[in-house]
Amino acid sequence: MSVAGVSKTFVSTRALDRVDFDVRAGEVHALIGHNGSGKSTLVKVLAGFHKPDADSGAFKVEGKEIPYGDPEAVHRAGLRFIHQELGLLDELSLLENLRLGDRYLTGRGWRVRWGAERRRAAAALAIVGLDLDPDVKVADLTPIERTQVAVARAMQDEKAVRLVLLDEPTATLPSSEVTKLFELIRRMTARGVGIAYISHRLEEIEEIADRVTVLREGRVVGTGPRAEFDNARLVSLIVGSHAGEAVPATAREATRIHGEGSLLDFQGVTAGELRAADFVIRTGEIVGVAGLAGSGVHDIPGVLLGRVPVESGHVVVAGRVIDDPDPAKLRPLGAAVLPSPRHLKGIPELSIRENVTLADLRPLTRGWSLDLRRERREAADIVKRFDVKGQPEQKLAELSGGNQQKVAVAKWLRIEPDLLVLDEPTQGVDVGAKAEILDLVATAAADGLAVVLCSSDLDDLEAVCSRVLVIRGGRVATELTGERINRKTITEECYRSEKARVS
């Protein structure tokens, strides 16, 4: 598969500028770059979702030219796409998920041949090494099994598949399961399938990629065998003139001082995986929360969003006990929660302007009317201040993941809350966008904002947190401060109980 000289312009934004990219049979070609560099746009061009500019070169698969903007032609040519949001439906079975968008085998009277369908589903699952009952629901699978099902759906007509594009496939996988994914990728390349691999995790690129292409500001700034690109060179190419420390000094220093006022207090809270969890968050500090999968880390924002019911204990926000917490009860108390799943962070079909002001329209209204001119001015200021790569009237869906993330953070910082709970705010975000997001949060904390940072990115925790709470078995097992806030110590504390059990 190859594209030559692809360009794409959105209004006045040049998202792709004469990009060349190709993937050979049986290789892994990594596509990396800063959020807003053009990766997402290129993927959408390849998938037929976007038509490139008229002066773009040819799109070819095995020498045969493919028309741009024709998803069916792309599919017939053997290209398959597995996005970070896997597109699986939890309440449907594996068999039903494999058949989404496809026809069932039928017999007389158009009755579904369920026996044949189960055999067909089992064969597809076997391609990716899964030996599961096709009637099992997706909701019951582990993260890596969900990814395997998505790959099985792409590969079920394996003789027709020429290329599989994986977009941030490890973003939600525990590190222990990344190895299994890599084994699956090697199994596909051994069959002659080409893999286009998008990831912000440079250590993965080093391990799995045969070749690398780096995009910056819509242009290819580096391409070649992976062995020619060490991590330092990759970071330099990705960030460009901004290369240097991944996290600015202000983000490390501004959060070390905090006040005494308690804004969030979990008092013996049992909910989801949490078991009698106790902790207090004070004014002006960033408190990191770390733990292994299933420890209960992500049940903290889940409780505050009303998605994880409280079984016992008390949640106290700004000195007030909140029974059955939800966002509507938190807002009057100056608290906000940014959830982890990206589709819950904004409304894709609305503009940047509409998304950033949606949290509070009261300052923009006169009587019952919205002051649209004032809203536009405020949105333009936010886009500039938060360095969002896009125009205020551009749809959120058209932005890169990192810029969508910045819009989500900006939406809540705009209303100046006293407490902000962030769940994986830099997941799937490159080093440049990560630094910008953390710096924005740290600056707000220096002005008195209390932040809870639930994150699996230990570098984030080390960079900005004044304290780190390590959760094991649903309880706060350790509180780290000062020099103990580092990747090594956090990791050791997360696994301490496991080590003790082994010994």
Foldseek 3Di string as FASTA:
>chain_A
DKWFQFWADDPHATQAGGAIDDWFWLFEEEEEFAFSLNPVVVVCQLQLNDPTDPPTGFDDQPRHTFDTNDNVSSVQQAEAEQAQPRPADQAAFLLVRLQVVHDADADPPRHGPVVVSQVLSCVLLVLLPDRDRRRHGNNPDDLLSSLSSSVSSSCSVVVNHAEYEYAASCLPPDPVCVVSVLVSSSSSSVVGHTYYYYAQDVVVCLVGHQKYWYGGSNYTPDIDGPVVDDPQNNQCRRVPPPDDDLADPLQQPLAQDFDDQWFKWWQLWDWQQAGGATDTFGWLFEEEEDADPSLCLQVVLVQQQLNIATPDTFIAGRRRTDHSHHPVVCVVSQEEEQHDDLCVLFPQQFFLLCTLQVVDQVVQDDPPHGVVVVSQVVSVVLCVVLVQPDHRRHGLNPGGPLSSLSSSLNSSVVVPGQEYEYAASQRRGHSNSLNSSSSVVSVSSSVTRTYYYYHPPLVSQLRHGQWYFYGGSNYRPDIDHDPCSHPVNNVCVNCVVVVVVVD
